[in-house]
Every structure is written in C-alpha cells, then in structure tokens.
Amino acid sequence: MPVVSHHLSLNMRGDTQIENVTAQVQDALIASGLKAGLVTIFVQHTTASVFILEDEPGLRLDTKRLWDRLIPADPHWEHNLRNQGENNGHSHLRGQLQGCSLTIPFSDGTLALGTWQAVVIVDFDTRARTRHVVIQIMGE
C-alpha cells in the first residue's frame, strides 16, 4: 500500500489560535493521486493540537473560552515552576488532552468529512511560533 507524506509550516501566534487546514489537507490528498484510504494529520509539537470543528466565529470563541475554563493559565503549574522563565504549562496540558493526531478516511480522492466539518490546528502556546504538520496518506 503506497504511503505519501506532505509537510505544512504554519506561522501561528499562540493563545488558542485556530487555523483551518482542510484545503491544504485536501490538496495534499489530490497531489498524492490516491483514491481511497486514510489521511493522518500529525502536529509535531506538545503545545498544539489537531481536531475537527465546525469552523465559524462563535465556535472559535467558545473553543478558546472552554480551554481557558478547563485548563487556565497559572504560574503555579509545576512545568512553570521547574523551568525558569516558562509560562506555558497550561499549553502543554491542553495539547496532551486534545491530542496531536487525527485520522480521516477518504474515497474517490476526497476527504470523508461531513458538511460542517473542518480540520483545524490549534496553537495553545503563549507566544508566536512556526508549527510543523505532517500529512501522511495511505491508500490505493
């Protein structure tokens, strides 16, 4: 079974920024020439995640509010206390809870997403940085 990999670099600002990458994933799938199989999207960072979202402004704000309530920024997280100058303990906790990979089936060269589903990367960190994403496609 053929495997094709594609890489994305995203300049993100942190603070629970959400970036829609559905089009880039679909473009990588088309470029692969594969018609049916699985696409895995993997974020190479511990303070960022990938998930499916109905990408509209209200849900973007609700997502940020949810994370701020569930795992608030706090200088007393052990990560911050043990690593002088670090203030992103909450970013790591959010990333590990949300997860760093997502797998989506595809057929006829098209992602099997529902009408309102979008693939998004969320950057939980406390500063701007470049995020690296691997899109790996397995199929026939």
C-alpha atoms as a PDB file:
ATOM      1  CA  MET A   1       0.000   0.000   0.000  1.00  0.00           C
ATOM      2  CA  PRO A   2       1.531   3.326  -1.036  1.00  0.00           C
ATOM      3  CA  VAL A   3       2.316   5.970   1.588  1.00  0.00           C
ATOM      4  CA  VAL A   4       2.743   9.631   0.671  1.00  0.00           C
ATOM      5  CA  SER A   5       3.845  12.338   3.104  1.00  0.00           C
ATOM      6  CA  HIS A   6       3.376  16.084   2.863  1.00  0.00           C
ATOM      7  CA  HIS A   7       4.556  18.792   5.278  1.00  0.00           C
ATOM      8  CA  LEU A   8       2.965  22.105   6.251  1.00  0.00           C
ATOM      9  CA  SER A   9       4.542  25.014   8.122  1.00  0.00           C
ATOM     10  CA  LEU A  10       2.123  27.412   9.784  1.00  0.00           C
ATOM     11  CA  ASN A  11       3.072  30.743  11.336  1.00  0.00           C
ATOM     12  CA  MET A  12       0.849  30.963  14.386  1.00  0.00           C
ATOM     13  CA  ARG A  13       0.510  33.440  17.245  1.00  0.00           C
ATOM     14  CA  GLY A  14      -0.490  31.100  20.111  1.00  0.00           C
ATOM     15  CA  ASP A  15      -3.202  31.969  22.644  1.00  0.00           C
ATOM     16  CA  THR A  16      -5.527  29.208  21.349  1.00  0.00           C
ATOM     17  CA  GLN A  17      -5.368  30.440  17.744  1.00  0.00           C
ATOM     18  CA  ILE A  18      -7.279  28.172  15.369  1.00  0.00           C
ATOM     19  CA  GLU A  19      -6.120  27.676  11.771  1.00  0.00           C
ATOM     20  CA  ASN A  20      -8.301  25.844   9.239  1.00  0.00           C
ATOM     21  CA  VAL A  21      -6.124  23.449   7.191  1.00  0.00           C
ATOM     22  CA  THR A  22      -8.866  21.489   5.434  1.00  0.00           C
ATOM     23  CA  ALA A  23      -7.959  22.848   1.988  1.00  0.00           C
ATOM     24  CA  GLN A  24      -4.247  22.068   2.477  1.00  0.00           C
ATOM     25  CA  VAL A  25      -5.059  18.501   3.543  1.00  0.00           C
ATOM     26  CA  GLN A  26      -7.379  18.017   0.558  1.00  0.00           C
ATOM     27  CA  ASP A  27      -4.728  19.491  -1.779  1.00  0.00           C
ATOM     28  CA  ALA A  28      -2.131  17.042  -0.418  1.00  0.00           C
ATOM     29  CA  LEU A  29      -4.592  14.210  -0.976  1.00  0.00           C
ATOM     30  CA  ILE A  30      -5.224  15.257  -4.591  1.00  0.00           C
ATOM     31  CA  ALA A  31      -1.479  15.594  -5.232  1.00  0.00           C
ATOM     32  CA  SER A  32      -0.928  12.059  -3.906  1.00  0.00           C
ATOM     33  CA  GLY A  33      -3.021  10.585  -6.701  1.00  0.00           C
ATOM     34  CA  LEU A  34      -4.512   8.067  -4.262  1.00  0.00           C
ATOM     35  CA  LYS A  35      -8.257   7.410  -4.437  1.00  0.00           C
ATOM     36  CA  ALA A  36      -9.170   5.542  -1.218  1.00  0.00           C
ATOM     37  CA  GLY A  37      -7.545   5.091   2.160  1.00  0.00           C
ATOM     38  CA  LEU A  38      -6.660   7.088   5.261  1.00  0.00           C
ATOM     39  CA  VAL A  39      -5.127  10.504   5.873  1.00  0.00           C
ATOM     40  CA  THR A  40      -3.366  11.164   9.170  1.00  0.00           C
ATOM     41  CA  ILE A  41      -2.649  14.731  10.242  1.00  0.00           C
ATOM     42  CA  PHE A  42       0.072  14.971  12.912  1.00  0.00           C
ATOM     43  CA  VAL A  43       1.230  18.126  14.715  1.00  0.00           C
ATOM     44  CA  GLN A  44       4.921  17.952  15.717  1.00  0.00           C
ATOM     45  CA  HIS A  45       4.510  19.993  18.914  1.00  0.00           C
ATOM     46  CA  THR A  46       3.401  19.437  22.509  1.00  0.00           C
ATOM     47  CA  THR A  47       1.609  22.788  22.793  1.00  0.00           C
ATOM     48  CA  ALA A  48      -0.540  22.448  19.663  1.00  0.00           C
ATOM     49  CA  SER A  49      -3.266  20.049  18.547  1.00  0.00           C
ATOM     50  CA  VAL A  50      -5.410  18.996  15.614  1.00  0.00           C
ATOM     51  CA  PHE A  51      -9.136  18.322  15.665  1.00  0.00           C
ATOM     52  CA  ILE A  52     -12.384  18.629  13.718  1.00  0.00           C
ATOM     53  CA  LEU A  53     -14.501  21.717  14.266  1.00  0.00           C
ATOM     54  CA  GLU A  54     -17.460  23.442  12.676  1.00  0.00           C
ATOM     55  CA  ASP A  55     -15.330  26.427  11.737  1.00  0.00           C
ATOM     56  CA  GLU A  56     -17.398  29.506  12.469  1.00  0.00           C
ATOM     57  CA  PRO A  57     -16.527  32.569  14.580  1.00  0.00           C
ATOM     58  CA  GLY A  58     -18.805  31.712  17.512  1.00  0.00           C
ATOM     59  CA  LEU A  59     -17.331  28.238  17.935  1.00  0.00           C
ATOM     60  CA  ARG A  60     -13.802  29.622  17.641  1.00  0.00           C
ATOM     61  CA  LEU A  61     -14.550  31.950  20.577  1.00  0.00           C
ATOM     62  CA  ASP A  62     -16.350  29.194  22.501  1.00  0.00           C
ATOM     63  CA  THR A  63     -13.366  26.879  21.990  1.00  0.00           C
ATOM     64  CA  LYS A  64     -10.987  29.455  23.463  1.00  0.00           C
ATOM     65  CA  ARG A  65     -13.340  30.069  26.406  1.00  0.00           C
ATOM     66  CA  LEU A  66     -13.686  26.333  27.013  1.00  0.00           C
ATOM     67  CA  TRP A  67      -9.915  25.835  27.227  1.00  0.00           C
ATOM     68  CA  ASP A  68      -9.484  28.936  29.394  1.00  0.00           C
ATOM     69  CA  ARG A  69     -12.006  27.467  31.843  1.00  0.00           C
ATOM     70  CA  LEU A  70     -10.834  23.837  31.724  1.00  0.00           C
ATOM     71  CA  ILE A  71      -7.089  24.469  31.970  1.00  0.00           C
ATOM     72  CA  PRO A  72      -6.397  28.111  32.838  1.00  0.00           C
ATOM     73  CA  ALA A  73      -3.043  29.819  32.551  1.00  0.00           C
ATOM     74  CA  ASP A  74      -1.491  29.668  36.013  1.00  0.00           C
ATOM     75  CA  PRO A  75       2.074  30.481  37.072  1.00  0.00           C
ATOM     76  CA  HIS A  76       1.859  27.664  39.631  1.00  0.00           C
ATOM     77  CA  TRP A  77       1.760  24.770  37.161  1.00  0.00           C
ATOM     78  CA  GLU A  78       4.762  22.557  38.009  1.00  0.00           C
ATOM     79  CA  HIS A  79       6.157  22.930  34.472  1.00  0.00           C
ATOM     80  CA  ASN A  80       6.386  26.690  35.005  1.00  0.00           C
ATOM     81  CA  LEU A  81       7.901  26.360  38.485  1.00  0.00           C
ATOM     82  CA  ARG A  82      10.548  23.814  37.446  1.00  0.00           C
ATOM     83  CA  ASN A  83      11.549  25.547  34.207  1.00  0.00           C
ATOM     84  CA  GLN A  84      12.685  29.087  34.966  1.00  0.00           C
ATOM     85  CA  GLY A  85      11.064  31.562  32.600  1.00  0.00           C
ATOM     86  CA  GLU A  86       8.440  29.141  31.274  1.00  0.00           C
ATOM     87  CA  ASN A  87       4.810  30.204  31.407  1.00  0.00           C
ATOM     88  CA  ASN A  88       3.186  27.622  29.161  1.00  0.00           C
ATOM     89  CA  GLY A  89       2.410  24.719  31.487  1.00  0.00           C
ATOM     90  CA  HIS A  90      -1.271  25.094  30.623  1.00  0.00           C
ATOM     91  CA  SER A  91      -0.388  24.964  26.905  1.00  0.00           C
ATOM     92  CA  HIS A  92       1.239  21.543  27.316  1.00  0.00           C
ATOM     93  CA  LEU A  93      -1.699  20.221  29.347  1.00  0.00           C
ATOM     94  CA  ARG A  94      -4.202  21.410  26.754  1.00  0.00           C
ATOM     95  CA  GLY A  95      -2.143  19.860  23.956  1.00  0.00           C
ATOM     96  CA  GLN A  96      -1.907  16.470  25.611  1.00  0.00           C
ATOM     97  CA  LEU A  97      -5.632  16.420  26.361  1.00  0.00           C
ATOM     98  CA  GLN A  98      -6.700  17.464  22.846  1.00  0.00           C
ATOM     99  CA  GLY A  99      -4.153  15.264  21.034  1.00  0.00           C
ATOM    100  CA  CYS A 100      -1.555  15.626  18.310  1.00  0.00           C
ATOM    101  CA  SER A 101      -3.043  13.490  15.523  1.00  0.00           C
ATOM    102  CA  LEU A 102      -6.244  12.871  13.614  1.00  0.00           C
ATOM    103  CA  THR A 103      -7.116  10.213  11.027  1.00  0.00           C
ATOM    104  CA  ILE A 104      -9.747  10.736   8.320  1.00  0.00           C
ATOM    105  CA  PRO A 105     -10.866   8.201   5.702  1.00  0.00           C
ATOM    106  CA  PHE A 106     -11.115   9.220   2.054  1.00  0.00           C
ATOM    107  CA  SER A 107     -12.684   7.800  -1.083  1.00  0.00           C
ATOM    108  CA  ASP A 108     -12.795   8.976  -4.692  1.00  0.00           C
ATOM    109  CA  GLY A 109      -9.852  11.255  -3.754  1.00  0.00           C
ATOM    110  CA  THR A 110     -11.999  13.252  -1.317  1.00  0.00           C
ATOM    111  CA  LEU A 111     -11.876  13.514   2.469  1.00  0.00           C
ATOM    112  CA  ALA A 112     -14.917  11.859   4.072  1.00  0.00           C
ATOM    113  CA  LEU A 113     -15.795  14.948   6.118  1.00  0.00           C
ATOM    114  CA  GLY A 114     -19.348  15.905   6.967  1.00  0.00           C
ATOM    115  CA  THR A 115     -20.929  19.077   5.638  1.00  0.00           C
ATOM    116  CA  TRP A 116     -19.788  21.310   8.506  1.00  0.00           C
ATOM    117  CA  GLN A 117     -16.589  19.504   9.496  1.00  0.00           C
ATOM    118  CA  ALA A 118     -13.247  21.265   9.094  1.00  0.00           C
ATOM    119  CA  VAL A 119      -9.737  20.139  10.042  1.00  0.00           C
ATOM    120  CA  VAL A 120      -8.106  22.713  12.305  1.00  0.00           C
ATOM    121  CA  ILE A 121      -4.805  23.199  14.085  1.00  0.00           C
ATOM    122  CA  VAL A 122      -4.975  24.956  17.445  1.00  0.00           C
ATOM    123  CA  ASP A 123      -1.918  26.638  18.940  1.00  0.00           C
ATOM    124  CA  PHE A 124      -2.144  26.761  22.740  1.00  0.00           C
ATOM    125  CA  ASP A 125       1.274  28.283  23.377  1.00  0.00           C
ATOM    126  CA  THR A 126       1.955  31.681  24.927  1.00  0.00           C
ATOM    127  CA  ARG A 127       3.977  33.098  22.046  1.00  0.00           C
ATOM    128  CA  ALA A 128       4.117  33.125  18.260  1.00  0.00           C
ATOM    129  CA  ARG A 129       5.965  30.306  16.546  1.00  0.00           C
ATOM    130  CA  THR A 130       6.056  28.217  13.401  1.00  0.00           C
ATOM    131  CA  ARG A 131       4.077  24.974  13.662  1.00  0.00           C
ATOM    132  CA  HIS A 132       5.017  21.899  11.646  1.00  0.00           C
ATOM    133  CA  VAL A 133       2.341  19.496  10.494  1.00  0.00           C
ATOM    134  CA  VAL A 134       2.808  16.121   8.778  1.00  0.00           C
ATOM    135  CA  ILE A 135       0.059  14.899   6.473  1.00  0.00           C
ATOM    136  CA  GLN A 136       0.551  11.219   5.753  1.00  0.00           C
ATOM    137  CA  ILE A 137      -1.678   9.492   3.212  1.00  0.00           C
ATOM    138  CA  MET A 138      -2.013   5.708   2.919  1.00  0.00           C
ATOM    139  CA  GLY A 139      -4.184   4.161   0.254  1.00  0.00           C
ATOM    140  CA  GLU A 140      -4.622   2.954  -3.241  1.00  0.00           C
END
